Amino acid sequence: MDIKERIESVLKAEANAINSIEVTEEFVKAVSVMQGCTGKIITTGIGKAGHIANKFAATLCSTASQAQFLHPAEAAHGDLGAVSPGDILIAFSTSGKSREVIEILELSRHLGIETVIGITSHPDSELRKYSDVVIDMGEIEEACPLGLTPTSSMAVMLAISDALALALMEQNKVSREDYGLRHHGGYLGRAARLDNSP
């Protein structure tokens, strides 16, 4: 396969994976749990899924929800102290078997986490049994020619996190003014302040 064909195949595989997401009532439950959160929305994940979890927390903050990314490895060395009663935890893991993530789910319950939302793919994901709400990514074939590099799975994970964040933003009736208050610099800040149309 030449370079152009490979690039086209990757884009097609990732687009197909996103289009195959089944939007179930678990998505609605997840948004309801986030909307009812009285503390912070804590996100976690490791490896490539950790980058998606970190970006999700940043998107939530910019759309008027209190959120924080918690790195599983750092959590084992004291950062788990960021968790407080009233917080909820959203864990990202394609396999659902990452030991560091499972440990956070086990230990965070002792610090006041009542609800865990798991975003995972594998049918035998251990994450499923630790989660109160499970968002199923579906079974995904990676776009990588080796079938190993997280590609299609990360596209799906990112799309799901964006969908949840924007659904929550809409439910919370976040206005352009609200958005602009959180973006005092850069292009988005200027755009939010200069254009007050709905």
C-alpha atoms as a PDB file:
ATOM      1  CA  MET A   1       0.000   0.000   0.000  1.00  0.00           C
ATOM      2  CA  ASP A   2       1.458   3.385  -0.951  1.00  0.00           C
ATOM      3  CA  ILE A   3       1.437   6.472   1.289  1.00  0.00           C
ATOM      4  CA  LYS A   4      -1.712   7.987  -0.163  1.00  0.00           C
ATOM      5  CA  GLU A   5      -3.617   4.705   0.070  1.00  0.00           C
ATOM      6  CA  ARG A   6      -2.472   4.207   3.680  1.00  0.00           C
ATOM      7  CA  ILE A   7      -3.595   7.689   4.687  1.00  0.00           C
ATOM      8  CA  GLU A   8      -6.957   7.210   2.985  1.00  0.00           C
ATOM      9  CA  SER A   9      -7.418   3.824   4.677  1.00  0.00           C
ATOM     10  CA  VAL A  10      -6.643   5.278   8.128  1.00  0.00           C
ATOM     11  CA  LEU A  11      -9.086   8.159   7.672  1.00  0.00           C
ATOM     12  CA  LYS A  12     -11.776   5.784   6.420  1.00  0.00           C
ATOM     13  CA  ALA A  13     -11.222   3.304   9.250  1.00  0.00           C
ATOM     14  CA  GLU A  14     -11.432   6.016  11.917  1.00  0.00           C
ATOM     15  CA  ALA A  15     -14.522   7.615  10.349  1.00  0.00           C
ATOM     16  CA  ASN A  16     -16.222   4.213  10.117  1.00  0.00           C
ATOM     17  CA  ALA A  17     -15.394   3.468  13.751  1.00  0.00           C
ATOM     18  CA  ILE A  18     -16.968   6.753  14.873  1.00  0.00           C
ATOM     19  CA  ASN A  19     -20.041   6.186  12.717  1.00  0.00           C
ATOM     20  CA  SER A  20     -20.482   2.741  14.299  1.00  0.00           C
ATOM     21  CA  ILE A  21     -20.891   4.120  17.848  1.00  0.00           C
ATOM     22  CA  GLU A  22     -24.252   3.019  19.256  1.00  0.00           C
ATOM     23  CA  VAL A  23     -25.763   5.848  21.291  1.00  0.00           C
ATOM     24  CA  THR A  24     -27.586   4.111  24.145  1.00  0.00           C
ATOM     25  CA  GLU A  25     -29.365   5.250  27.304  1.00  0.00           C
ATOM     26  CA  GLU A  26     -26.022   4.922  29.077  1.00  0.00           C
ATOM     27  CA  PHE A  27     -24.952   8.129  27.324  1.00  0.00           C
ATOM     28  CA  VAL A  28     -28.019   9.888  28.737  1.00  0.00           C
ATOM     29  CA  LYS A  29     -27.279   8.515  32.206  1.00  0.00           C
ATOM     30  CA  ALA A  30     -23.684   9.711  31.972  1.00  0.00           C
ATOM     31  CA  VAL A  31     -24.717  13.266  31.104  1.00  0.00           C
ATOM     32  CA  SER A  32     -27.304  13.237  33.908  1.00  0.00           C
ATOM     33  CA  VAL A  33     -24.666  12.079  36.403  1.00  0.00           C
ATOM     34  CA  MET A  34     -22.279  14.819  35.273  1.00  0.00           C
ATOM     35  CA  GLN A  35     -25.006  17.447  35.447  1.00  0.00           C
ATOM     36  CA  GLY A  36     -25.899  16.384  38.980  1.00  0.00           C
ATOM     37  CA  CYS A  37     -22.297  16.347  40.188  1.00  0.00           C
ATOM     38  CA  THR A  38     -21.896  18.556  43.283  1.00  0.00           C
ATOM     39  CA  GLY A  39     -18.096  18.393  43.215  1.00  0.00           C
ATOM     40  CA  LYS A  40     -15.586  17.907  40.424  1.00  0.00           C
ATOM     41  CA  ILE A  41     -15.661  15.646  37.414  1.00  0.00           C
ATOM     42  CA  ILE A  42     -12.446  13.647  37.740  1.00  0.00           C
ATOM     43  CA  THR A  43     -11.171  12.014  34.547  1.00  0.00           C
ATOM     44  CA  THR A  44      -8.530   9.327  34.353  1.00  0.00           C
ATOM     45  CA  GLY A  45      -6.807   7.022  31.916  1.00  0.00           C
ATOM     46  CA  ILE A  46      -3.300   5.920  31.066  1.00  0.00           C
ATOM     47  CA  GLY A  47      -1.309   5.872  27.849  1.00  0.00           C
ATOM     48  CA  LYS A  48      -3.134   7.234  24.813  1.00  0.00           C
ATOM     49  CA  ALA A  49      -6.465   6.986  26.674  1.00  0.00           C
ATOM     50  CA  GLY A  50      -4.953   9.251  29.328  1.00  0.00           C
ATOM     51  CA  HIS A  51      -4.375  11.945  26.736  1.00  0.00           C
ATOM     52  CA  ILE A  52      -8.049  11.734  25.748  1.00  0.00           C
ATOM     53  CA  ALA A  53      -9.107  11.887  29.413  1.00  0.00           C
ATOM     54  CA  ASN A  54      -6.894  14.940  29.933  1.00  0.00           C
ATOM     55  CA  LYS A  55      -8.362  16.678  26.896  1.00  0.00           C
ATOM     56  CA  PHE A  56     -11.882  15.810  28.093  1.00  0.00           C
ATOM     57  CA  ALA A  57     -11.216  17.504  31.449  1.00  0.00           C
ATOM     58  CA  ALA A  58      -9.916  20.589  29.615  1.00  0.00           C
ATOM     59  CA  THR A  59     -13.019  20.690  27.394  1.00  0.00           C
ATOM     60  CA  LEU A  60     -15.289  20.375  30.427  1.00  0.00           C
ATOM     61  CA  CYS A  61     -13.498  23.244  32.186  1.00  0.00           C
ATOM     62  CA  SER A  62     -13.836  25.472  29.136  1.00  0.00           C
ATOM     63  CA  THR A  63     -17.549  24.692  28.898  1.00  0.00           C
ATOM     64  CA  ALA A  64     -18.299  25.677  32.504  1.00  0.00           C
ATOM     65  CA  SER A  65     -17.979  22.371  34.381  1.00  0.00           C
ATOM     66  CA  GLN A  66     -15.432  21.845  37.140  1.00  0.00           C
ATOM     67  CA  ALA A  67     -13.125  19.047  36.046  1.00  0.00           C
ATOM     68  CA  GLN A  68      -9.652  17.697  36.712  1.00  0.00           C
ATOM     69  CA  PHE A  69      -7.496  15.024  35.096  1.00  0.00           C
ATOM     70  CA  LEU A  70      -5.954  12.543  37.527  1.00  0.00           C
ATOM     71  CA  HIS A  71      -2.965  10.585  36.239  1.00  0.00           C
ATOM     72  CA  PRO A  72      -3.176   6.991  37.506  1.00  0.00           C
ATOM     73  CA  ALA A  73       0.546   6.682  38.202  1.00  0.00           C
ATOM     74  CA  GLU A  74       0.679   9.963  40.109  1.00  0.00           C
ATOM     75  CA  ALA A  75      -2.496   8.992  41.988  1.00  0.00           C
ATOM     76  CA  ALA A  76      -0.547   6.101  43.528  1.00  0.00           C
ATOM     77  CA  HIS A  77       1.909   8.642  44.937  1.00  0.00           C
ATOM     78  CA  GLY A  78      -0.471  11.049  46.622  1.00  0.00           C
ATOM     79  CA  ASP A  79      -2.449  12.733  43.869  1.00  0.00           C
ATOM     80  CA  LEU A  80      -5.457  10.591  44.780  1.00  0.00           C
ATOM     81  CA  GLY A  81      -5.874  13.218  47.490  1.00  0.00           C
ATOM     82  CA  ALA A  82      -7.491  15.422  44.832  1.00  0.00           C
ATOM     83  CA  VAL A  83     -10.610  13.271  45.130  1.00  0.00           C
ATOM     84  CA  SER A  84     -13.326  14.567  47.464  1.00  0.00           C
ATOM     85  CA  PRO A  85     -16.873  13.529  48.405  1.00  0.00           C
ATOM     86  CA  GLY A  86     -19.280  14.792  45.752  1.00  0.00           C
ATOM     87  CA  ASP A  87     -16.842  14.156  42.911  1.00  0.00           C
ATOM     88  CA  ILE A  88     -17.539  11.658  40.155  1.00  0.00           C
ATOM     89  CA  LEU A  89     -14.934   9.664  38.250  1.00  0.00           C
ATOM     90  CA  ILE A  90     -14.849   9.023  34.508  1.00  0.00           C
ATOM     91  CA  ALA A  91     -12.341   6.360  33.465  1.00  0.00           C
ATOM     92  CA  PHE A  92     -11.119   5.819  29.905  1.00  0.00           C
ATOM     93  CA  SER A  93      -9.612   2.483  28.889  1.00  0.00           C
ATOM     94  CA  THR A  94     -10.093   0.599  25.629  1.00  0.00           C
ATOM     95  CA  SER A  95      -9.138  -2.764  27.113  1.00  0.00           C
ATOM     96  CA  GLY A  96     -10.425  -1.935  30.589  1.00  0.00           C
ATOM     97  CA  LYS A  97      -7.592  -3.968  32.025  1.00  0.00           C
ATOM     98  CA  SER A  98      -4.961  -1.337  32.849  1.00  0.00           C
ATOM     99  CA  ARG A  99      -3.954  -2.104  36.430  1.00  0.00           C
ATOM    100  CA  GLU A 100      -3.255   1.537  37.317  1.00  0.00           C
ATOM    101  CA  VAL A 101      -6.760   2.577  36.254  1.00  0.00           C
ATOM    102  CA  ILE A 102      -8.446  -0.304  38.086  1.00  0.00           C
ATOM    103  CA  GLU A 103      -6.558   0.632  41.278  1.00  0.00           C
ATOM    104  CA  ILE A 104      -7.921   4.193  41.104  1.00  0.00           C
ATOM    105  CA  LEU A 105     -11.451   2.859  40.746  1.00  0.00           C
ATOM    106  CA  GLU A 106     -11.002   0.634  43.769  1.00  0.00           C
ATOM    107  CA  LEU A 107      -9.370   3.246  46.007  1.00  0.00           C
ATOM    108  CA  SER A 108     -11.384   6.320  45.038  1.00  0.00           C
ATOM    109  CA  ARG A 109     -14.528   4.789  46.535  1.00  0.00           C
ATOM    110  CA  HIS A 110     -12.880   5.126  49.956  1.00  0.00           C
ATOM    111  CA  LEU A 111     -12.464   8.868  49.356  1.00  0.00           C
ATOM    112  CA  GLY A 112     -16.079   9.625  48.538  1.00  0.00           C
ATOM    113  CA  ILE A 113     -16.549   8.731  44.871  1.00  0.00           C
ATOM    114  CA  GLU A 114     -20.074   7.358  44.581  1.00  0.00           C
ATOM    115  CA  THR A 115     -20.422   7.166  40.808  1.00  0.00           C
ATOM    116  CA  VAL A 116     -17.952   5.869  38.247  1.00  0.00           C
ATOM    117  CA  ILE A 117     -18.514   6.189  34.509  1.00  0.00           C
ATOM    118  CA  GLY A 118     -16.450   3.793  32.417  1.00  0.00           C
ATOM    119  CA  ILE A 119     -15.681   4.312  28.737  1.00  0.00           C
ATOM    120  CA  THR A 120     -14.363   1.063  27.294  1.00  0.00           C
ATOM    121  CA  SER A 121     -14.432  -1.330  24.371  1.00  0.00           C
ATOM    122  CA  HIS A 122     -13.460  -4.917  25.127  1.00  0.00           C
ATOM    123  CA  PRO A 123     -16.341  -7.207  26.127  1.00  0.00           C
ATOM    124  CA  ASP A 124     -14.202  -8.693  28.921  1.00  0.00           C
ATOM    125  CA  SER A 125     -13.121  -5.261  30.176  1.00  0.00           C
ATOM    126  CA  GLU A 126     -12.561  -5.376  33.927  1.00  0.00           C
ATOM    127  CA  LEU A 127     -13.506  -1.684  33.984  1.00  0.00           C
ATOM    128  CA  ARG A 128     -17.128  -2.666  33.358  1.00  0.00           C
ATOM    129  CA  LYS A 129     -17.594  -4.321  36.743  1.00  0.00           C
ATOM    130  CA  TYR A 130     -16.200  -1.275  38.586  1.00  0.00           C
ATOM    131  CA  SER A 131     -18.433   1.212  36.753  1.00  0.00           C
ATOM    132  CA  ASP A 132     -21.953   2.347  37.601  1.00  0.00           C
ATOM    133  CA  VAL A 133     -22.473   3.607  34.052  1.00  0.00           C
ATOM    134  CA  VAL A 134     -20.724   1.967  31.109  1.00  0.00           C
ATOM    135  CA  ILE A 135     -20.358   3.668  27.749  1.00  0.00           C
ATOM    136  CA  ASP A 136     -19.540   0.951  25.251  1.00  0.00           C
ATOM    137  CA  MET A 137     -17.213   2.011  22.447  1.00  0.00           C
ATOM    138  CA  GLY A 138     -18.017  -1.165  20.524  1.00  0.00           C
ATOM    139  CA  GLU A 139     -15.485  -3.645  19.228  1.00  0.00           C
ATOM    140  CA  ILE A 140     -12.975  -1.664  17.182  1.00  0.00           C
ATOM    141  CA  GLU A 141     -10.411  -2.653  14.593  1.00  0.00           C
ATOM    142  CA  GLU A 142      -7.426  -0.324  14.782  1.00  0.00           C
ATOM    143  CA  ALA A 143      -6.365   1.496  11.614  1.00  0.00           C
ATOM    144  CA  CYS A 144      -2.735   0.590  12.321  1.00  0.00           C
ATOM    145  CA  PRO A 145      -1.332  -1.908   9.746  1.00  0.00           C
ATOM    146  CA  LEU A 146      -0.046  -3.962  12.691  1.00  0.00           C
ATOM    147  CA  GLY A 147      -3.415  -3.800  14.419  1.00  0.00           C
ATOM    148  CA  LEU A 148      -1.697  -2.466  17.537  1.00  0.00           C
ATOM    149  CA  THR A 149      -1.316   1.334  17.587  1.00  0.00           C
ATOM    150  CA  PRO A 150      -4.311   3.010  19.291  1.00  0.00           C
ATOM    151  CA  THR A 151      -5.869   4.856  16.350  1.00  0.00           C
ATOM    152  CA  SER A 152      -9.517   4.094  15.574  1.00  0.00           C
ATOM    153  CA  SER A 153     -10.128   3.438  19.270  1.00  0.00           C
ATOM    154  CA  MET A 154      -8.773   6.871  20.193  1.00  0.00           C
ATOM    155  CA  ALA A 155     -10.872   8.551  17.493  1.00  0.00           C
ATOM    156  CA  VAL A 156     -13.946   6.877  19.000  1.00  0.00           C
ATOM    157  CA  MET A 157     -12.936   7.787  22.541  1.00  0.00           C
ATOM    158  CA  LEU A 158     -12.352  11.422  21.587  1.00  0.00           C
ATOM    159  CA  ALA A 159     -15.666  11.649  19.725  1.00  0.00           C
ATOM    160  CA  ILE A 160     -17.556  10.176  22.684  1.00  0.00           C
ATOM    161  CA  SER A 161     -15.905  12.576  25.126  1.00  0.00           C
ATOM    162  CA  ASP A 162     -16.713  15.564  22.901  1.00  0.00           C
ATOM    163  CA  ALA A 163     -20.314  14.422  22.553  1.00  0.00           C
ATOM    164  CA  LEU A 164     -20.696  14.100  26.329  1.00  0.00           C
ATOM    165  CA  ALA A 165     -19.089  17.489  26.985  1.00  0.00           C
ATOM    166  CA  LEU A 166     -21.243  19.343  24.475  1.00  0.00           C
ATOM    167  CA  ALA A 167     -24.447  17.591  25.540  1.00  0.00           C
ATOM    168  CA  LEU A 168     -23.668  18.613  29.128  1.00  0.00           C
ATOM    169  CA  MET A 169     -22.872  22.168  28.032  1.00  0.00           C
ATOM    170  CA  GLU A 170     -26.248  22.405  26.316  1.00  0.00           C
ATOM    171  CA  GLN A 171     -28.128  20.918  29.284  1.00  0.00           C
ATOM    172  CA  ASN A 172     -26.416  23.464  31.548  1.00  0.00           C
ATOM    173  CA  LYS A 173     -27.461  26.272  29.179  1.00  0.00           C
ATOM    174  CA  VAL A 174     -23.932  27.643  28.903  1.00  0.00           C
ATOM    175  CA  SER A 175     -24.025  30.970  27.050  1.00  0.00           C
ATOM    176  CA  ARG A 176     -21.438  32.690  24.858  1.00  0.00           C
ATOM    177  CA  GLU A 177     -20.814  35.023  27.797  1.00  0.00           C
ATOM    178  CA  ASP A 178     -20.178  32.044  30.084  1.00  0.00           C
ATOM    179  CA  TYR A 179     -17.826  30.631  27.493  1.00  0.00           C
ATOM    180  CA  GLY A 180     -16.033  33.930  27.031  1.00  0.00           C
ATOM    181  CA  LEU A 181     -15.413  34.266  30.772  1.00  0.00           C
ATOM    182  CA  ARG A 182     -13.319  31.104  30.572  1.00  0.00           C
ATOM    183  CA  HIS A 183     -11.454  32.191  27.436  1.00  0.00           C
ATOM    184  CA  HIS A 184     -10.068  35.646  28.153  1.00  0.00           C
ATOM    185  CA  GLY A 185      -7.263  35.201  25.638  1.00  0.00           C
ATOM    186  CA  GLY A 186      -6.772  34.033  22.103  1.00  0.00           C
ATOM    187  CA  TYR A 187      -9.076  33.765  19.124  1.00  0.00           C
ATOM    188  CA  LEU A 188     -11.911  32.000  20.979  1.00  0.00           C
ATOM    189  CA  GLY A 189     -11.939  34.625  23.705  1.00  0.00           C
ATOM    190  CA  ARG A 190     -12.212  37.430  21.174  1.00  0.00           C
ATOM    191  CA  ALA A 191     -14.863  35.586  19.182  1.00  0.00           C
ATOM    192  CA  ALA A 192     -16.974  34.931  22.290  1.00  0.00           C
ATOM    193  CA  ARG A 193     -16.793  38.564  23.380  1.00  0.00           C
ATOM    194  CA  LEU A 194     -17.292  40.224  20.000  1.00  0.00           C
ATOM    195  CA  ASP A 195     -20.198  38.145  18.760  1.00  0.00           C
ATOM    196  CA  ASN A 196     -23.101  37.967  21.196  1.00  0.00           C
ATOM    197  CA  SER A 197     -25.469  36.197  18.827  1.00  0.00           C
ATOM    198  CA  PRO A 198     -26.915  32.835  19.988  1.00  0.00           C
END
